[in-house]
Amino acid sequence: MKIIIKNMVSIRCKMLVRAELENLGIDYKVIELGEVVLFENITKDKRDALKISLRKWGLELMDDKRSILIEKIKNVIVEMVHYAEELPKTNYSTYISDKLAQDYTYLANLFSEVVGITIEHFIIAHKIEKVKELLVYDEMNLTEIAEKLHYSSVAHLSNQFKKVTGLTPSHFKHLKKKRRVALDNM
């Protein structure tokens, strides 16, 4: 049996879900971002208990098929941008379509209708969050970040970053450094 969990987007979430499943005595095969594969179906009482225990952490069991599919799309994107060693060489539409074994046009229309933004804008938002993370870590320069995230150029990355955040990448990095220095001096 497979269950889908909304808002499960990090390694920490996976650890939390694992702990809650173990507390409830629910055996599982695999825990991935956004979903858990169980060895067998669980009773309604156990499902309700799991629903309640996850809700206190901001996680939610999904029941509606459309919502489940939206959550799967989000999880594919989050995993692709934040956790994959390298972004896919194919275009994102093909990657998402292949991962979910669904027609991309259907996925894109459903996503836009339910979430209110396009899949492309969702990907861009997550790529910019990844850029911020990499800038704060200060282990890569902007050229390396642009290459890692498959931007056509540093200028393209910078323009997109400014459009989303209102700041240039260098200004963002400078602000973060100032904040760290201010905290270090406290």
C-alpha atoms as a PDB file:
ATOM      1  CA  MET A   1       0.000   0.000   0.000  1.00  0.00           C
ATOM      2  CA  LYS A   2       1.227   3.486  -0.828  1.00  0.00           C
ATOM      3  CA  ILE A   3       0.275   6.605   1.122  1.00  0.00           C
ATOM      4  CA  ILE A   4       0.933  10.164  -0.025  1.00  0.00           C
ATOM      5  CA  ILE A   5       1.932  12.839   2.494  1.00  0.00           C
ATOM      6  CA  LYS A   6       1.584  16.552   1.775  1.00  0.00           C
ATOM      7  CA  ASN A   7       4.373  18.988   2.786  1.00  0.00           C
ATOM      8  CA  MET A   8       6.939  16.202   3.194  1.00  0.00           C
ATOM      9  CA  VAL A   9       9.792  17.924   1.408  1.00  0.00           C
ATOM     10  CA  SER A  10      12.992  17.351   3.364  1.00  0.00           C
ATOM     11  CA  ILE A  11      15.200  14.712   4.905  1.00  0.00           C
ATOM     12  CA  ARG A  12      14.032  15.920   8.316  1.00  0.00           C
ATOM     13  CA  CYS A  13      10.403  15.270   7.272  1.00  0.00           C
ATOM     14  CA  LYS A  14      11.340  11.716   6.290  1.00  0.00           C
ATOM     15  CA  MET A  15      12.901  11.172   9.721  1.00  0.00           C
ATOM     16  CA  LEU A  16       9.809  12.569  11.408  1.00  0.00           C
ATOM     17  CA  VAL A  17       7.463  10.334   9.399  1.00  0.00           C
ATOM     18  CA  ARG A  18       9.652   7.313  10.161  1.00  0.00           C
ATOM     19  CA  ALA A  19       9.400   8.067  13.905  1.00  0.00           C
ATOM     20  CA  GLU A  20       5.622   8.500  13.755  1.00  0.00           C
ATOM     21  CA  LEU A  21       5.178   5.239  11.817  1.00  0.00           C
ATOM     22  CA  GLU A  22       7.328   3.391  14.340  1.00  0.00           C
ATOM     23  CA  ASN A  23       5.433   4.952  17.278  1.00  0.00           C
ATOM     24  CA  LEU A  24       2.166   3.685  15.781  1.00  0.00           C
ATOM     25  CA  GLY A  25       3.607   0.249  14.977  1.00  0.00           C
ATOM     26  CA  ILE A  26       3.092   0.646  11.239  1.00  0.00           C
ATOM     27  CA  ASP A  27       5.576  -1.368   9.176  1.00  0.00           C
ATOM     28  CA  TYR A  28       6.902   0.297   6.043  1.00  0.00           C
ATOM     29  CA  LYS A  29       9.078  -0.716   3.102  1.00  0.00           C
ATOM     30  CA  VAL A  30      10.249   2.662   1.839  1.00  0.00           C
ATOM     31  CA  ILE A  31       9.955   6.300   2.856  1.00  0.00           C
ATOM     32  CA  GLU A  32      10.479   8.823   0.049  1.00  0.00           C
ATOM     33  CA  LEU A  33       9.734  12.513  -0.170  1.00  0.00           C
ATOM     34  CA  GLY A  34       5.962  12.757  -0.171  1.00  0.00           C
ATOM     35  CA  GLU A  35       5.178   9.072  -0.006  1.00  0.00           C
ATOM     36  CA  VAL A  36       5.502   5.940   2.065  1.00  0.00           C
ATOM     37  CA  VAL A  37       5.185   2.380   0.828  1.00  0.00           C
ATOM     38  CA  LEU A  38       3.718   0.106   3.497  1.00  0.00           C
ATOM     39  CA  PHE A  39       3.999  -3.677   3.631  1.00  0.00           C
ATOM     40  CA  GLU A  40       0.222  -3.985   3.912  1.00  0.00           C
ATOM     41  CA  ASN A  41      -2.965  -1.962   4.146  1.00  0.00           C
ATOM     42  CA  ILE A  42      -3.599  -0.336   7.493  1.00  0.00           C
ATOM     43  CA  THR A  43      -6.862  -0.162   9.404  1.00  0.00           C
ATOM     44  CA  LYS A  44      -8.980   2.977   9.381  1.00  0.00           C
ATOM     45  CA  ASP A  45      -8.109   3.517  13.061  1.00  0.00           C
ATOM     46  CA  LYS A  46      -4.363   3.389  12.343  1.00  0.00           C
ATOM     47  CA  ARG A  47      -4.793   5.668   9.329  1.00  0.00           C
ATOM     48  CA  ASP A  48      -6.737   8.165  11.462  1.00  0.00           C
ATOM     49  CA  ALA A  49      -4.073   7.991  14.198  1.00  0.00           C
ATOM     50  CA  LEU A  50      -1.340   8.568  11.607  1.00  0.00           C
ATOM     51  CA  LYS A  51      -3.288  11.483  10.137  1.00  0.00           C
ATOM     52  CA  ILE A  52      -3.531  13.114  13.580  1.00  0.00           C
ATOM     53  CA  SER A  53       0.113  12.496  14.508  1.00  0.00           C
ATOM     54  CA  LEU A  54       1.382  13.898  11.196  1.00  0.00           C
ATOM     55  CA  ARG A  55      -0.898  16.939  11.349  1.00  0.00           C
ATOM     56  CA  LYS A  56       0.848  18.235  14.500  1.00  0.00           C
ATOM     57  CA  TRP A  57       4.063  18.477  12.401  1.00  0.00           C
ATOM     58  CA  GLY A  58       2.350  20.267   9.507  1.00  0.00           C
ATOM     59  CA  LEU A  59       2.137  17.119   7.378  1.00  0.00           C
ATOM     60  CA  GLU A  60      -1.079  15.816   5.876  1.00  0.00           C
ATOM     61  CA  LEU A  61      -2.228  12.456   4.521  1.00  0.00           C
ATOM     62  CA  MET A  62      -3.640  12.910   1.054  1.00  0.00           C
ATOM     63  CA  ASP A  63      -6.832  11.204  -0.126  1.00  0.00           C
ATOM     64  CA  ASP A  64      -8.023  13.155  -3.181  1.00  0.00           C
ATOM     65  CA  LYS A  65      -6.490  11.850  -6.453  1.00  0.00           C
ATOM     66  CA  ARG A  66      -5.923  15.328  -7.918  1.00  0.00           C
ATOM     67  CA  SER A  67      -4.257  16.556  -4.730  1.00  0.00           C
ATOM     68  CA  ILE A  68      -2.096  13.452  -4.641  1.00  0.00           C
ATOM     69  CA  LEU A  69      -0.938  14.073  -8.199  1.00  0.00           C
ATOM     70  CA  ILE A  70      -0.166  17.744  -7.430  1.00  0.00           C
ATOM     71  CA  GLU A  71       1.869  16.669  -4.414  1.00  0.00           C
ATOM     72  CA  LYS A  72       3.751  14.136  -6.544  1.00  0.00           C
ATOM     73  CA  ILE A  73       4.592  16.857  -9.079  1.00  0.00           C
ATOM     74  CA  LYS A  74       5.880  19.118  -6.301  1.00  0.00           C
ATOM     75  CA  ASN A  75       7.946  16.318  -4.801  1.00  0.00           C
ATOM     76  CA  VAL A  76       9.539  15.411  -8.137  1.00  0.00           C
ATOM     77  CA  ILE A  77      10.545  19.053  -8.589  1.00  0.00           C
ATOM     78  CA  VAL A  78      11.842  19.484  -5.021  1.00  0.00           C
ATOM     79  CA  GLU A  79      13.857  16.281  -5.258  1.00  0.00           C
ATOM     80  CA  MET A  80      15.178  17.231  -8.713  1.00  0.00           C
ATOM     81  CA  VAL A  81      16.279  20.748  -7.734  1.00  0.00           C
ATOM     82  CA  HIS A  82      17.357  20.313  -4.112  1.00  0.00           C
ATOM     83  CA  TYR A  83      18.547  16.734  -3.733  1.00  0.00           C
ATOM     84  CA  ALA A  84      19.723  15.381  -7.095  1.00  0.00           C
ATOM     85  CA  GLU A  85      23.461  15.501  -7.669  1.00  0.00           C
ATOM     86  CA  GLU A  86      22.801  16.977 -11.087  1.00  0.00           C
ATOM     87  CA  LEU A  87      19.734  18.339 -12.826  1.00  0.00           C
ATOM     88  CA  PRO A  88      18.417  16.165 -15.665  1.00  0.00           C
ATOM     89  CA  LYS A  89      19.873  16.624 -19.138  1.00  0.00           C
ATOM     90  CA  THR A  90      16.401  16.385 -20.720  1.00  0.00           C
ATOM     91  CA  ASN A  91      13.945  19.238 -20.485  1.00  0.00           C
ATOM     92  CA  TYR A  92      11.952  19.417 -17.284  1.00  0.00           C
ATOM     93  CA  SER A  93       8.630  18.621 -18.931  1.00  0.00           C
ATOM     94  CA  THR A  94       9.968  15.307 -20.241  1.00  0.00           C
ATOM     95  CA  TYR A  95      11.616  14.525 -16.904  1.00  0.00           C
ATOM     96  CA  ILE A  96       8.438  15.170 -14.885  1.00  0.00           C
ATOM     97  CA  SER A  97       6.250  13.353 -17.398  1.00  0.00           C
ATOM     98  CA  ASP A  98       8.558  10.308 -17.367  1.00  0.00           C
ATOM     99  CA  LYS A  99       8.850  10.258 -13.563  1.00  0.00           C
ATOM    100  CA  LEU A 100       5.072  10.316 -13.114  1.00  0.00           C
ATOM    101  CA  ALA A 101       4.173   8.319 -16.237  1.00  0.00           C
ATOM    102  CA  GLN A 102       1.622  10.966 -17.184  1.00  0.00           C
ATOM    103  CA  ASP A 103       1.085  13.314 -20.112  1.00  0.00           C
ATOM    104  CA  TYR A 104       2.866  16.604 -19.372  1.00  0.00           C
ATOM    105  CA  THR A 105       0.099  18.795 -20.807  1.00  0.00           C
ATOM    106  CA  TYR A 106      -2.387  17.188 -18.418  1.00  0.00           C
ATOM    107  CA  LEU A 107       0.020  17.619 -15.482  1.00  0.00           C
ATOM    108  CA  ALA A 108       0.762  21.250 -16.382  1.00  0.00           C
ATOM    109  CA  ASN A 109      -2.909  22.172 -16.767  1.00  0.00           C
ATOM    110  CA  LEU A 110      -3.892  20.450 -13.523  1.00  0.00           C
ATOM    111  CA  PHE A 111      -0.997  22.061 -11.631  1.00  0.00           C
ATOM    112  CA  SER A 112      -1.824  25.561 -12.897  1.00  0.00           C
ATOM    113  CA  GLU A 113      -5.517  25.114 -12.145  1.00  0.00           C
ATOM    114  CA  VAL A 114      -5.010  23.843  -8.590  1.00  0.00           C
ATOM    115  CA  VAL A 115      -1.856  25.666  -7.452  1.00  0.00           C
ATOM    116  CA  GLY A 116      -2.377  28.913  -9.333  1.00  0.00           C
ATOM    117  CA  ILE A 117       1.090  29.085 -10.899  1.00  0.00           C
ATOM    118  CA  THR A 118       2.713  27.165 -13.723  1.00  0.00           C
ATOM    119  CA  ILE A 119       5.060  24.246 -13.188  1.00  0.00           C
ATOM    120  CA  GLU A 120       7.752  26.401 -14.808  1.00  0.00           C
ATOM    121  CA  HIS A 121       7.311  29.146 -12.198  1.00  0.00           C
ATOM    122  CA  PHE A 122       7.356  26.546  -9.423  1.00  0.00           C
ATOM    123  CA  ILE A 123      10.651  25.169 -10.790  1.00  0.00           C
ATOM    124  CA  ILE A 124      12.116  28.667 -11.095  1.00  0.00           C
ATOM    125  CA  ALA A 125      11.163  29.472  -7.482  1.00  0.00           C
ATOM    126  CA  HIS A 126      12.916  26.318  -6.288  1.00  0.00           C
ATOM    127  CA  LYS A 127      15.969  26.925  -8.456  1.00  0.00           C
ATOM    128  CA  ILE A 128      16.272  30.428  -6.974  1.00  0.00           C
ATOM    129  CA  GLU A 129      16.000  28.961  -3.461  1.00  0.00           C
ATOM    130  CA  LYS A 130      18.810  26.569  -4.390  1.00  0.00           C
ATOM    131  CA  VAL A 131      20.878  29.491  -5.718  1.00  0.00           C
ATOM    132  CA  LYS A 132      20.362  31.307  -2.397  1.00  0.00           C
ATOM    133  CA  GLU A 133      21.457  28.218  -0.500  1.00  0.00           C
ATOM    134  CA  LEU A 134      24.591  27.823  -2.628  1.00  0.00           C
ATOM    135  CA  LEU A 135      25.420  31.540  -2.282  1.00  0.00           C
ATOM    136  CA  VAL A 136      25.131  31.354   1.499  1.00  0.00           C
ATOM    137  CA  TYR A 137      27.368  28.252   1.646  1.00  0.00           C
ATOM    138  CA  ASP A 138      29.941  30.278  -0.319  1.00  0.00           C
ATOM    139  CA  GLU A 139      31.559  27.139  -1.774  1.00  0.00           C
ATOM    140  CA  MET A 140      30.795  27.906  -5.429  1.00  0.00           C
ATOM    141  CA  ASN A 141      31.065  31.037  -7.507  1.00  0.00           C
ATOM    142  CA  LEU A 142      28.181  32.288  -9.638  1.00  0.00           C
ATOM    143  CA  THR A 143      29.557  30.698 -12.817  1.00  0.00           C
ATOM    144  CA  GLU A 144      29.702  27.282 -11.114  1.00  0.00           C
ATOM    145  CA  ILE A 145      26.198  27.742  -9.707  1.00  0.00           C
ATOM    146  CA  ALA A 146      24.860  28.701 -13.152  1.00  0.00           C
ATOM    147  CA  GLU A 147      26.435  25.571 -14.659  1.00  0.00           C
ATOM    148  CA  LYS A 148      25.192  23.306 -11.851  1.00  0.00           C
ATOM    149  CA  LEU A 149      21.604  24.535 -12.245  1.00  0.00           C
ATOM    150  CA  HIS A 150      21.721  24.504 -16.074  1.00  0.00           C
ATOM    151  CA  TYR A 151      21.380  28.233 -16.650  1.00  0.00           C
ATOM    152  CA  SER A 152      22.482  29.278 -20.125  1.00  0.00           C
ATOM    153  CA  SER A 153      24.683  32.006 -18.625  1.00  0.00           C
ATOM    154  CA  VAL A 154      25.485  33.866 -15.425  1.00  0.00           C
ATOM    155  CA  ALA A 155      23.518  36.809 -16.847  1.00  0.00           C
ATOM    156  CA  HIS A 156      20.421  34.611 -17.231  1.00  0.00           C
ATOM    157  CA  LEU A 157      20.758  33.359 -13.648  1.00  0.00           C
ATOM    158  CA  SER A 158      21.295  36.921 -12.358  1.00  0.00           C
ATOM    159  CA  ASN A 159      18.298  38.291 -14.267  1.00  0.00           C
ATOM    160  CA  GLN A 160      16.034  35.515 -13.034  1.00  0.00           C
ATOM    161  CA  PHE A 161      17.345  35.890  -9.469  1.00  0.00           C
ATOM    162  CA  LYS A 162      16.659  39.644  -9.501  1.00  0.00           C
ATOM    163  CA  LYS A 163      13.214  39.155 -11.030  1.00  0.00           C
ATOM    164  CA  VAL A 164      12.239  36.724  -8.249  1.00  0.00           C
ATOM    165  CA  THR A 165      13.992  38.273  -5.220  1.00  0.00           C
ATOM    166  CA  GLY A 166      14.401  41.924  -6.184  1.00  0.00           C
ATOM    167  CA  LEU A 167      18.141  41.609  -5.478  1.00  0.00           C
ATOM    168  CA  THR A 168      21.166  40.725  -7.542  1.00  0.00           C
ATOM    169  CA  PRO A 169      22.957  37.544  -6.429  1.00  0.00           C
ATOM    170  CA  SER A 170      25.980  39.577  -5.292  1.00  0.00           C
ATOM    171  CA  HIS A 171      23.800  41.958  -3.263  1.00  0.00           C
ATOM    172  CA  PHE A 172      22.007  38.982  -1.678  1.00  0.00           C
ATOM    173  CA  LYS A 173      25.364  37.386  -0.789  1.00  0.00           C
ATOM    174  CA  HIS A 174      26.619  40.695   0.641  1.00  0.00           C
ATOM    175  CA  LEU A 175      23.501  41.068   2.826  1.00  0.00           C
ATOM    176  CA  LYS A 176      23.901  37.537   4.148  1.00  0.00           C
ATOM    177  CA  LYS A 177      27.565  38.168   4.989  1.00  0.00           C
ATOM    178  CA  LYS A 178      26.644  41.419   6.786  1.00  0.00           C
ATOM    179  CA  ARG A 179      24.019  39.584   8.804  1.00  0.00           C
ATOM    180  CA  ARG A 180      26.490  36.832   9.773  1.00  0.00           C
ATOM    181  CA  VAL A 181      29.100  39.416  10.818  1.00  0.00           C
ATOM    182  CA  ALA A 182      26.493  41.260  12.889  1.00  0.00           C
ATOM    183  CA  LEU A 183      25.482  38.008  14.607  1.00  0.00           C
ATOM    184  CA  ASP A 184      29.111  37.050  15.236  1.00  0.00           C
ATOM    185  CA  ASN A 185      29.713  40.381  16.975  1.00  0.00           C
ATOM    186  CA  MET A 186      26.852  39.904  19.448  1.00  0.00           C
END
